[in-house]
PDB file of N, CA and C in Angstrom:
ATOM      1  N   MET A   1    -139.240 -59.693 -52.899  1.00  0.00           N
ATOM      2  CA  MET A   1    -138.190 -59.870 -53.407  1.00  0.00           C
ATOM      3  C   MET A   1    -138.034 -60.649 -54.546  1.00  0.00           C
ATOM      4  N   ALA A   2    -137.432 -61.072 -55.462  1.00  0.00           N
ATOM      5  CA  ALA A   2    -137.511 -62.283 -56.310  1.00  0.00           C
ATOM      6  C   ALA A   2    -136.612 -62.295 -56.244  1.00  0.00           C
ATOM      7  N   ILE A   3    -135.469 -63.894 -56.512  1.00  0.00           N
ATOM      8  CA  ILE A   3    -134.779 -63.892 -58.062  1.00  0.00           C
ATOM      9  C   ILE A   3    -135.507 -64.926 -58.633  1.00  0.00           C
ATOM     10  N   GLN A   4    -134.910 -64.981 -60.103  1.00  0.00           N
ATOM     11  CA  GLN A   4    -135.012 -65.600 -60.707  1.00  0.00           C
ATOM     12  C   GLN A   4    -134.074 -66.019 -61.767  1.00  0.00           C
ATOM     13  N   LEU A   5    -133.743 -67.509 -61.933  1.00  0.00           N
ATOM     14  CA  LEU A   5    -132.090 -67.728 -62.243  1.00  0.00           C
ATOM     15  C   LEU A   5    -132.494 -68.470 -63.785  1.00  0.00           C
ATOM     16  N   GLY A   6    -132.401 -67.517 -64.844  1.00  0.00           N
ATOM     17  CA  GLY A   6    -132.130 -67.912 -66.169  1.00  0.00           C
ATOM     18  C   GLY A   6    -133.613 -68.050 -66.675  1.00  0.00           C
ATOM     19  N   GLU A   7    -133.652 -68.418 -67.862  1.00  0.00           N
ATOM     20  CA  GLU A   7    -134.802 -68.416 -68.360  1.00  0.00           C
ATOM     21  C   GLU A   7    -135.929 -69.717 -67.797  1.00  0.00           C
ATOM     22  N   ASP A   8    -136.839 -69.955 -67.095  1.00  0.00           N
ATOM     23  CA  ASP A   8    -137.589 -71.493 -67.204  1.00  0.00           C
ATOM     24  C   ASP A   8    -136.694 -72.129 -66.314  1.00  0.00           C
ATOM     25  N   LYS A   9    -136.121 -71.378 -65.373  1.00  0.00           N
ATOM     26  CA  LYS A   9    -135.396 -71.496 -63.856  1.00  0.00           C
ATOM     27  C   LYS A   9    -136.193 -71.410 -62.540  1.00  0.00           C
ATOM     28  N   ASP A  10    -135.479 -72.016 -61.457  1.00  0.00           N
ATOM     29  CA  ASP A  10    -136.405 -71.625 -60.306  1.00  0.00           C
ATOM     30  C   ASP A  10    -136.551 -70.057 -59.909  1.00  0.00           C
ATOM     31  N   VAL A  11    -137.394 -69.892 -58.856  1.00  0.00           N
ATOM     32  CA  VAL A  11    -137.069 -68.184 -58.411  1.00  0.00           C
ATOM     33  C   VAL A  11    -137.338 -68.640 -57.327  1.00  0.00           C
ATOM     34  N   ILE A  12    -136.290 -67.791 -56.273  1.00  0.00           N
ATOM     35  CA  ILE A  12    -136.230 -67.721 -55.025  1.00  0.00           C
ATOM     36  C   ILE A  12    -136.887 -66.228 -54.871  1.00  0.00           C
ATOM     37  N   THR A  13    -137.843 -66.896 -53.542  1.00  0.00           N
ATOM     38  CA  THR A  13    -138.239 -65.940 -53.354  1.00  0.00           C
ATOM     39  C   THR A  13    -138.435 -65.375 -52.020  1.00  0.00           C
ATOM     40  N   PHE A  14    -138.080 -64.170 -51.518  1.00  0.00           N
ATOM     41  CA  PHE A  14    -137.159 -63.874 -50.289  1.00  0.00           C
ATOM     42  C   PHE A  14    -138.625 -63.074 -49.239  1.00  0.00           C
ATOM     43  N   HIS A  15    -139.311 -64.587 -48.270  1.00  0.00           N
ATOM     44  CA  HIS A  15    -140.082 -63.913 -47.245  1.00  0.00           C
ATOM     45  C   HIS A  15    -139.097 -63.903 -45.812  1.00  0.00           C
ATOM     46  N   GLY A  16    -139.928 -62.945 -45.143  1.00  0.00           N
ATOM     47  CA  GLY A  16    -139.358 -62.926 -43.432  1.00  0.00           C
ATOM     48  C   GLY A  16    -138.307 -61.604 -43.610  1.00  0.00           C
ATOM     49  N   ALA A  17    -138.344 -60.971 -44.533  1.00  0.00           N
ATOM     50  CA  ALA A  17    -137.662 -59.629 -44.102  1.00  0.00           C
ATOM     51  C   ALA A  17    -137.380 -59.017 -42.954  1.00  0.00           C
ATOM     52  N   GLN A  18    -135.458 -58.589 -42.506  1.00  0.00           N
ATOM     53  CA  GLN A  18    -135.600 -57.958 -41.051  1.00  0.00           C
ATOM     54  C   GLN A  18    -135.181 -56.316 -41.603  1.00  0.00           C
ATOM     55  N   PHE A  19    -135.633 -55.818 -41.127  1.00  0.00           N
ATOM     56  CA  PHE A  19    -134.781 -54.090 -41.105  1.00  0.00           C
ATOM     57  C   PHE A  19    -134.453 -53.999 -40.376  1.00  0.00           C
ATOM     58  N   GLU A  20    -133.137 -53.299 -40.120  1.00  0.00           N
ATOM     59  CA  GLU A  20    -132.483 -52.707 -39.246  1.00  0.00           C
ATOM     60  C   GLU A  20    -131.580 -51.708 -39.949  1.00  0.00           C
ATOM     61  N   ASP A  21    -131.320 -50.299 -39.148  1.00  0.00           N
ATOM     62  CA  ASP A  21    -130.557 -49.495 -39.224  1.00  0.00           C
ATOM     63  C   ASP A  21    -130.389 -49.231 -41.078  1.00  0.00           C
ATOM     64  N   GLY A  22    -131.201 -49.098 -41.502  1.00  0.00           N
ATOM     65  CA  GLY A  22    -131.083 -48.611 -42.873  1.00  0.00           C
ATOM     66  C   GLY A  22    -130.865 -49.957 -43.882  1.00  0.00           C
ATOM     67  N   TYR A  23    -130.765 -51.074 -43.094  1.00  0.00           N
ATOM     68  CA  TYR A  23    -130.610 -52.797 -44.165  1.00  0.00           C
ATOM     69  C   TYR A  23    -131.865 -53.282 -43.425  1.00  0.00           C
ATOM     70  N   SER A  24    -131.566 -53.913 -44.718  1.00  0.00           N
ATOM     71  CA  SER A  24    -132.245 -55.089 -44.916  1.00  0.00           C
ATOM     72  C   SER A  24    -132.316 -56.616 -45.356  1.00  0.00           C
ATOM     73  N   TRP A  25    -132.297 -57.822 -44.724  1.00  0.00           N
ATOM     74  CA  TRP A  25    -131.904 -58.866 -44.452  1.00  0.00           C
ATOM     75  C   TRP A  25    -132.812 -59.501 -44.366  1.00  0.00           C
ATOM     76  N   PHE A  26    -132.630 -60.645 -45.666  1.00  0.00           N
ATOM     77  CA  PHE A  26    -133.094 -61.430 -46.221  1.00  0.00           C
ATOM     78  C   PHE A  26    -133.105 -63.252 -46.244  1.00  0.00           C
ATOM     79  N   PRO A  27    -133.072 -64.255 -44.814  1.00  0.00           N
ATOM     80  CA  PRO A  27    -132.756 -65.291 -45.106  1.00  0.00           C
ATOM     81  C   PRO A  27    -133.332 -66.042 -46.546  1.00  0.00           C
ATOM     82  N   LEU A  28    -131.617 -67.032 -46.612  1.00  0.00           N
ATOM     83  CA  LEU A  28    -130.816 -67.553 -47.382  1.00  0.00           C
ATOM     84  C   LEU A  28    -131.346 -68.562 -47.118  1.00  0.00           C
ATOM     85  N   SER A  29    -131.035 -70.441 -47.858  1.00  0.00           N
ATOM     86  CA  SER A  29    -130.370 -71.808 -47.163  1.00  0.00           C
ATOM     87  C   SER A  29    -129.624 -71.160 -48.047  1.00  0.00           C
ATOM     88  N   GLU A  30    -128.546 -72.683 -48.137  1.00  0.00           N
ATOM     89  CA  GLU A  30    -126.931 -72.398 -47.880  1.00  0.00           C
ATOM     90  C   GLU A  30    -127.770 -73.688 -49.341  1.00  0.00           C
ATOM     91  N   GLU A  31    -128.374 -74.333 -50.117  1.00  0.00           N
ATOM     92  CA  GLU A  31    -128.946 -74.939 -51.083  1.00  0.00           C
ATOM     93  C   GLU A  31    -129.245 -73.318 -51.823  1.00  0.00           C
ATOM     94  N   GLN A  32    -130.286 -71.953 -51.274  1.00  0.00           N
ATOM     95  CA  GLN A  32    -130.146 -71.344 -52.536  1.00  0.00           C
ATOM     96  C   GLN A  32    -129.820 -70.461 -53.011  1.00  0.00           C
ATOM     97  N   LEU A  33    -128.554 -70.670 -51.746  1.00  0.00           N
ATOM     98  CA  LEU A  33    -127.229 -69.542 -52.438  1.00  0.00           C
ATOM     99  C   LEU A  33    -126.665 -70.394 -52.939  1.00  0.00           C
ATOM    100  N   LEU A  34    -126.271 -71.908 -53.354  1.00  0.00           N
ATOM    101  CA  LEU A  34    -125.947 -72.367 -54.389  1.00  0.00           C
ATOM    102  C   LEU A  34    -126.212 -72.275 -55.455  1.00  0.00           C
ATOM    103  N   ALA A  35    -127.747 -72.379 -55.696  1.00  0.00           N
ATOM    104  CA  ALA A  35    -128.556 -71.913 -57.004  1.00  0.00           C
ATOM    105  C   ALA A  35    -128.080 -70.478 -57.514  1.00  0.00           C
ATOM    106  N   ILE A  36    -128.194 -69.656 -56.911  1.00  0.00           N
ATOM    107  CA  ILE A  36    -127.145 -68.196 -57.089  1.00  0.00           C
ATOM    108  C   ILE A  36    -125.807 -68.623 -57.832  1.00  0.00           C
ATOM    109  N   CYS A  37    -125.490 -68.810 -57.222  1.00  0.00           N
ATOM    110  CA  CYS A  37    -123.679 -69.161 -57.152  1.00  0.00           C
ATOM    111  C   CYS A  37    -123.619 -69.271 -58.550  1.00  0.00           C
ATOM    112  N   THR A  38    -123.972 -70.607 -58.739  1.00  0.00           N
ATOM    113  CA  THR A  38    -124.201 -71.656 -60.095  1.00  0.00           C
ATOM    114  C   THR A  38    -125.339 -71.060 -61.152  1.00  0.00           C
ATOM    115  N   ALA A  39    -125.843 -70.100 -60.867  1.00  0.00           N
ATOM    116  CA  ALA A  39    -127.192 -69.336 -61.984  1.00  0.00           C
ATOM    117  C   ALA A  39    -126.353 -68.982 -63.714  1.00  0.00           C
ATOM    118  N   GLN A  40    -126.988 -69.124 -64.845  1.00  0.00           N
ATOM    119  CA  GLN A  40    -126.467 -68.298 -65.871  1.00  0.00           C
ATOM    120  C   GLN A  40    -126.280 -67.135 -65.737  1.00  0.00           C
ATOM    121  N   THR A  41    -128.218 -66.760 -65.004  1.00  0.00           N
ATOM    122  CA  THR A  41    -128.514 -65.107 -65.564  1.00  0.00           C
ATOM    123  C   THR A  41    -129.580 -65.095 -64.543  1.00  0.00           C
ATOM    124  N   ILE A  42    -129.682 -63.945 -64.087  1.00  0.00           N
ATOM    125  CA  ILE A  42    -130.450 -63.574 -62.983  1.00  0.00           C
ATOM    126  C   ILE A  42    -130.890 -62.591 -63.532  1.00  0.00           C
ATOM    127  N   ASP A  43    -132.577 -62.574 -62.575  1.00  0.00           N
ATOM    128  CA  ASP A  43    -133.380 -61.319 -62.726  1.00  0.00           C
ATOM    129  C   ASP A  43    -133.938 -61.626 -61.798  1.00  0.00           C
ATOM    130  N   LEU A  44    -133.780 -59.919 -60.869  1.00  0.00           N
ATOM    131  CA  LEU A  44    -134.465 -59.573 -59.806  1.00  0.00           C
ATOM    132  C   LEU A  44    -135.334 -58.600 -59.907  1.00  0.00           C
ATOM    133  N   THR A  45    -136.048 -58.904 -59.683  1.00  0.00           N
ATOM    134  CA  THR A  45    -137.460 -58.624 -58.941  1.00  0.00           C
ATOM    135  C   THR A  45    -137.950 -58.186 -57.455  1.00  0.00           C
ATOM    136  N   THR A  46    -138.038 -56.787 -57.522  1.00  0.00           N
ATOM    137  CA  THR A  46    -138.042 -56.214 -55.435  1.00  0.00           C
ATOM    138  C   THR A  46    -139.078 -55.070 -56.241  1.00  0.00           C
ATOM    139  N   ASP A  47    -139.614 -54.149 -55.234  1.00  0.00           N
ATOM    140  CA  ASP A  47    -140.297 -53.051 -55.169  1.00  0.00           C
ATOM    141  C   ASP A  47    -139.252 -51.792 -55.537  1.00  0.00           C
ATOM    142  N   LEU A  48    -138.069 -51.538 -55.541  1.00  0.00           N
ATOM    143  CA  LEU A  48    -137.212 -50.695 -55.484  1.00  0.00           C
ATOM    144  C   LEU A  48    -137.303 -50.434 -57.096  1.00  0.00           C
ATOM    145  N   PRO A  49    -136.832 -49.006 -57.082  1.00  0.00           N
ATOM    146  CA  PRO A  49    -137.268 -48.438 -58.622  1.00  0.00           C
ATOM    147  C   PRO A  49    -135.827 -49.055 -59.488  1.00  0.00           C
ATOM    148  N   LEU A  50    -135.428 -49.422 -60.702  1.00  0.00           N
ATOM    149  CA  LEU A  50    -134.503 -50.174 -60.669  1.00  0.00           C
ATOM    150  C   LEU A  50    -134.717 -49.229 -62.143  1.00  0.00           C
ATOM    151  N   PRO A  51    -133.163 -49.117 -62.776  1.00  0.00           N
ATOM    152  CA  PRO A  51    -133.311 -48.656 -64.389  1.00  0.00           C
ATOM    153  C   PRO A  51    -133.545 -50.036 -65.057  1.00  0.00           C
ATOM    154  N   PRO A  52    -134.417 -49.640 -66.506  1.00  0.00           N
ATOM    155  CA  PRO A  52    -134.454 -50.095 -67.206  1.00  0.00           C
ATOM    156  C   PRO A  52    -133.159 -51.684 -67.408  1.00  0.00           C
ATOM    157  N   ASN A  53    -132.188 -50.542 -68.119  1.00  0.00           N
ATOM    158  CA  ASN A  53    -130.654 -51.876 -68.241  1.00  0.00           C
ATOM    159  C   ASN A  53    -130.538 -52.549 -66.686  1.00  0.00           C
ATOM    160  N   ALA A  54    -131.494 -51.771 -66.007  1.00  0.00           N
ATOM    161  CA  ALA A  54    -130.614 -52.981 -65.088  1.00  0.00           C
ATOM    162  C   ALA A  54    -129.956 -54.626 -65.136  1.00  0.00           C
ATOM    163  N   GLN A  55    -128.298 -54.896 -64.693  1.00  0.00           N
ATOM    164  CA  GLN A  55    -128.363 -56.044 -64.884  1.00  0.00           C
ATOM    165  C   GLN A  55    -127.849 -56.671 -63.788  1.00  0.00           C
ATOM    166  N   PHE A  56    -127.763 -57.878 -63.576  1.00  0.00           N
ATOM    167  CA  PHE A  56    -127.254 -57.911 -61.636  1.00  0.00           C
ATOM    168  C   PHE A  56    -126.391 -59.590 -62.335  1.00  0.00           C
ATOM    169  N   ASN A  57    -125.912 -59.510 -64.157  1.00  0.00           N
ATOM    170  CA  ASN A  57    -125.015 -60.743 -63.881  1.00  0.00           C
ATOM    171  C   ASN A  57    -123.463 -61.281 -62.879  1.00  0.00           C
ATOM    172  N   GLU A  58    -123.581 -59.594 -62.412  1.00  0.00           N
ATOM    173  CA  GLU A  58    -122.148 -60.124 -61.482  1.00  0.00           C
ATOM    174  C   GLU A  58    -123.091 -60.477 -59.571  1.00  0.00           C
ATOM    175  N   LEU A  59    -124.084 -61.144 -59.917  1.00  0.00           N
ATOM    176  CA  LEU A  59    -124.172 -60.934 -58.483  1.00  0.00           C
ATOM    177  C   LEU A  59    -123.539 -62.870 -58.324  1.00  0.00           C
ATOM    178  N   PRO A  60    -124.153 -63.778 -59.384  1.00  0.00           N
ATOM    179  CA  PRO A  60    -122.841 -65.688 -58.961  1.00  0.00           C
ATOM    180  C   PRO A  60    -122.256 -65.162 -58.407  1.00  0.00           C
ATOM    181  N   ILE A  61    -120.919 -64.516 -59.757  1.00  0.00           N
ATOM    182  CA  ILE A  61    -119.693 -64.866 -59.046  1.00  0.00           C
ATOM    183  C   ILE A  61    -119.624 -63.880 -57.512  1.00  0.00           C
ATOM    184  N   PHE A  62    -120.454 -62.549 -57.784  1.00  0.00           N
ATOM    185  CA  PHE A  62    -119.963 -62.199 -55.942  1.00  0.00           C
ATOM    186  C   PHE A  62    -120.776 -63.320 -54.536  1.00  0.00           C
ATOM    187  N   ALA A  63    -122.411 -63.967 -54.958  1.00  0.00           N
ATOM    188  CA  ALA A  63    -122.218 -64.990 -54.460  1.00  0.00           C
ATOM    189  C   ALA A  63    -121.625 -66.336 -54.048  1.00  0.00           C
ATOM    190  N   SER A  64    -120.548 -66.313 -54.948  1.00  0.00           N
ATOM    191  CA  SER A  64    -119.175 -67.573 -55.116  1.00  0.00           C
ATOM    192  C   SER A  64    -118.156 -67.199 -54.124  1.00  0.00           C
ATOM    193  N   ARG A  65    -117.685 -65.824 -54.348  1.00  0.00           N
ATOM    194  CA  ARG A  65    -116.633 -64.957 -53.021  1.00  0.00           C
ATOM    195  C   ARG A  65    -117.775 -65.531 -51.662  1.00  0.00           C
ATOM    196  N   PHE A  66    -118.757 -64.936 -51.442  1.00  0.00           N
ATOM    197  CA  PHE A  66    -118.823 -65.570 -50.186  1.00  0.00           C
ATOM    198  C   PHE A  66    -119.284 -66.952 -49.635  1.00  0.00           C
ATOM    199  N   TYR A  67    -119.885 -68.056 -50.394  1.00  0.00           N
ATOM    200  CA  TYR A  67    -119.938 -69.061 -50.150  1.00  0.00           C
ATOM    201  C   TYR A  67    -118.061 -69.562 -50.453  1.00  0.00           C
ATOM    202  N   ASN A  68    -117.635 -68.965 -50.804  1.00  0.00           N
ATOM    203  CA  ASN A  68    -116.307 -69.679 -50.861  1.00  0.00           C
ATOM    204  C   ASN A  68    -115.120 -69.304 -49.416  1.00  0.00           C
ATOM    205  N   ILE A  69    -115.762 -68.106 -49.053  1.00  0.00           N
ATOM    206  CA  ILE A  69    -115.067 -67.294 -47.473  1.00  0.00           C
ATOM    207  C   ILE A  69    -115.918 -68.006 -46.986  1.00  0.00           C
ATOM    208  N   ALA A  70    -117.060 -68.046 -46.472  1.00  0.00           N
ATOM    209  CA  ALA A  70    -118.028 -68.682 -45.507  1.00  0.00           C
ATOM    210  C   ALA A  70    -117.658 -70.441 -45.615  1.00  0.00           C
ATOM    211  N   PHE A  71    -118.271 -71.036 -46.284  1.00  0.00           N
ATOM    212  CA  PHE A  71    -118.499 -72.511 -46.453  1.00  0.00           C
ATOM    213  C   PHE A  71    -117.806 -73.340 -46.923  1.00  0.00           C
ATOM    214  N   ASN A  72    -116.634 -73.102 -48.056  1.00  0.00           N
ATOM    215  CA  ASN A  72    -115.805 -73.796 -48.304  1.00  0.00           C
ATOM    216  C   ASN A  72    -115.187 -73.699 -48.776  1.00  0.00           C
ATOM    217  N   ARG A  73    -113.496 -73.231 -48.683  1.00  0.00           N
ATOM    218  CA  ARG A  73    -112.569 -72.175 -49.399  1.00  0.00           C
ATOM    219  C   ARG A  73    -111.782 -72.907 -50.445  1.00  0.00           C
ATOM    220  N   MET A  74    -112.810 -74.754 -51.289  1.00  0.00           N
ATOM    221  CA  MET A  74    -112.409 -75.391 -51.771  1.00  0.00           C
ATOM    222  C   MET A  74    -113.258 -74.755 -52.950  1.00  0.00           C
ATOM    223  N   LYS A  75    -114.676 -74.059 -52.958  1.00  0.00           N
ATOM    224  CA  LYS A  75    -115.626 -74.957 -54.141  1.00  0.00           C
ATOM    225  C   LYS A  75    -115.365 -72.988 -54.604  1.00  0.00           C
ATOM    226  N   PHE A  76    -115.414 -72.869 -56.133  1.00  0.00           N
ATOM    227  CA  PHE A  76    -115.476 -71.382 -56.738  1.00  0.00           C
ATOM    228  C   PHE A  76    -114.443 -70.487 -56.628  1.00  0.00           C
ATOM    229  N   MET A  77    -113.188 -71.377 -56.693  1.00  0.00           N
ATOM    230  CA  MET A  77    -111.962 -70.702 -55.899  1.00  0.00           C
ATOM    231  C   MET A  77    -112.058 -69.747 -57.276  1.00  0.00           C
ATOM    232  N   TYR A  78    -112.104 -69.950 -58.248  1.00  0.00           N
ATOM    233  CA  TYR A  78    -111.859 -69.051 -59.251  1.00  0.00           C
ATOM    234  C   TYR A  78    -112.318 -66.736 -59.194  1.00  0.00           C
ATOM    235  N   SER A  79    -113.698 -67.410 -58.407  1.00  0.00           N
ATOM    236  CA  SER A  79    -114.704 -66.373 -58.218  1.00  0.00           C
ATOM    237  C   SER A  79    -113.845 -65.171 -57.425  1.00  0.00           C
ATOM    238  N   ILE A  80    -112.854 -65.635 -56.750  1.00  0.00           N
ATOM    239  CA  ILE A  80    -111.764 -64.906 -56.397  1.00  0.00           C
ATOM    240  C   ILE A  80    -110.805 -63.875 -57.246  1.00  0.00           C
ATOM    241  N   HIS A  81    -110.632 -65.015 -58.614  1.00  0.00           N
ATOM    242  CA  HIS A  81    -109.770 -63.742 -59.694  1.00  0.00           C
ATOM    243  C   HIS A  81    -110.540 -63.418 -61.027  1.00  0.00           C
ATOM    244  N   VAL A  82    -111.524 -63.384 -60.173  1.00  0.00           N
ATOM    245  CA  VAL A  82    -112.678 -62.620 -61.638  1.00  0.00           C
ATOM    246  C   VAL A  82    -112.714 -60.778 -61.321  1.00  0.00           C
ATOM    247  N   ASN A  83    -112.768 -60.127 -62.271  1.00  0.00           N
ATOM    248  CA  ASN A  83    -112.648 -58.940 -62.148  1.00  0.00           C
ATOM    249  C   ASN A  83    -114.351 -57.775 -61.711  1.00  0.00           C
ATOM    250  N   LEU A  84    -115.068 -57.647 -60.904  1.00  0.00           N
ATOM    251  CA  LEU A  84    -116.212 -57.242 -60.851  1.00  0.00           C
ATOM    252  C   LEU A  84    -116.335 -55.472 -60.751  1.00  0.00           C
ATOM    253  N   ILE A  85    -116.749 -55.398 -60.503  1.00  0.00           N
ATOM    254  CA  ILE A  85    -117.487 -53.408 -61.088  1.00  0.00           C
ATOM    255  C   ILE A  85    -117.318 -53.147 -59.311  1.00  0.00           C
ATOM    256  N   THR A  86    -117.385 -54.083 -58.688  1.00  0.00           N
ATOM    257  CA  THR A  86    -116.977 -53.703 -56.900  1.00  0.00           C
ATOM    258  C   THR A  86    -115.686 -53.464 -56.906  1.00  0.00           C
ATOM    259  N   ASP A  87    -115.662 -53.947 -57.405  1.00  0.00           N
ATOM    260  CA  ASP A  87    -113.687 -54.250 -57.210  1.00  0.00           C
ATOM    261  C   ASP A  87    -112.885 -53.187 -56.745  1.00  0.00           C
ATOM    262  N   ASP A  88    -112.173 -53.111 -55.932  1.00  0.00           N
ATOM    263  CA  ASP A  88    -111.169 -51.737 -55.737  1.00  0.00           C
ATOM    264  C   ASP A  88    -110.145 -51.899 -56.629  1.00  0.00           C
ATOM    265  N   LYS A  89    -109.771 -50.820 -57.783  1.00  0.00           N
ATOM    266  CA  LYS A  89    -109.313 -50.777 -58.930  1.00  0.00           C
ATOM    267  C   LYS A  89    -107.736 -50.166 -58.572  1.00  0.00           C
ATOM    268  N   ASN A  90    -107.569 -49.879 -56.909  1.00  0.00           N
ATOM    269  CA  ASN A  90    -106.236 -49.059 -57.206  1.00  0.00           C
ATOM    270  C   ASN A  90    -104.954 -50.061 -56.473  1.00  0.00           C
TER     271      ASN A  90
END
């Protein structure tokens, strides 16, 4: 699996996947996570079947939320207030 961070930008390739109880775990460095958080566009390449119109534009915001909670509560604070498709609308 690989993530391209915008056109003509870095590509993060995931190696060493671990599979456990139906989940896949990919090691990711803090620098790679920061790169995903600040990416303007995301293109995901995987061997999984994806619809041709698949978009991953919410991944940077989702990653920013995780970074904010796990590493630095002062960085990416805006991400908590962005409405994502996956947010509970109740």
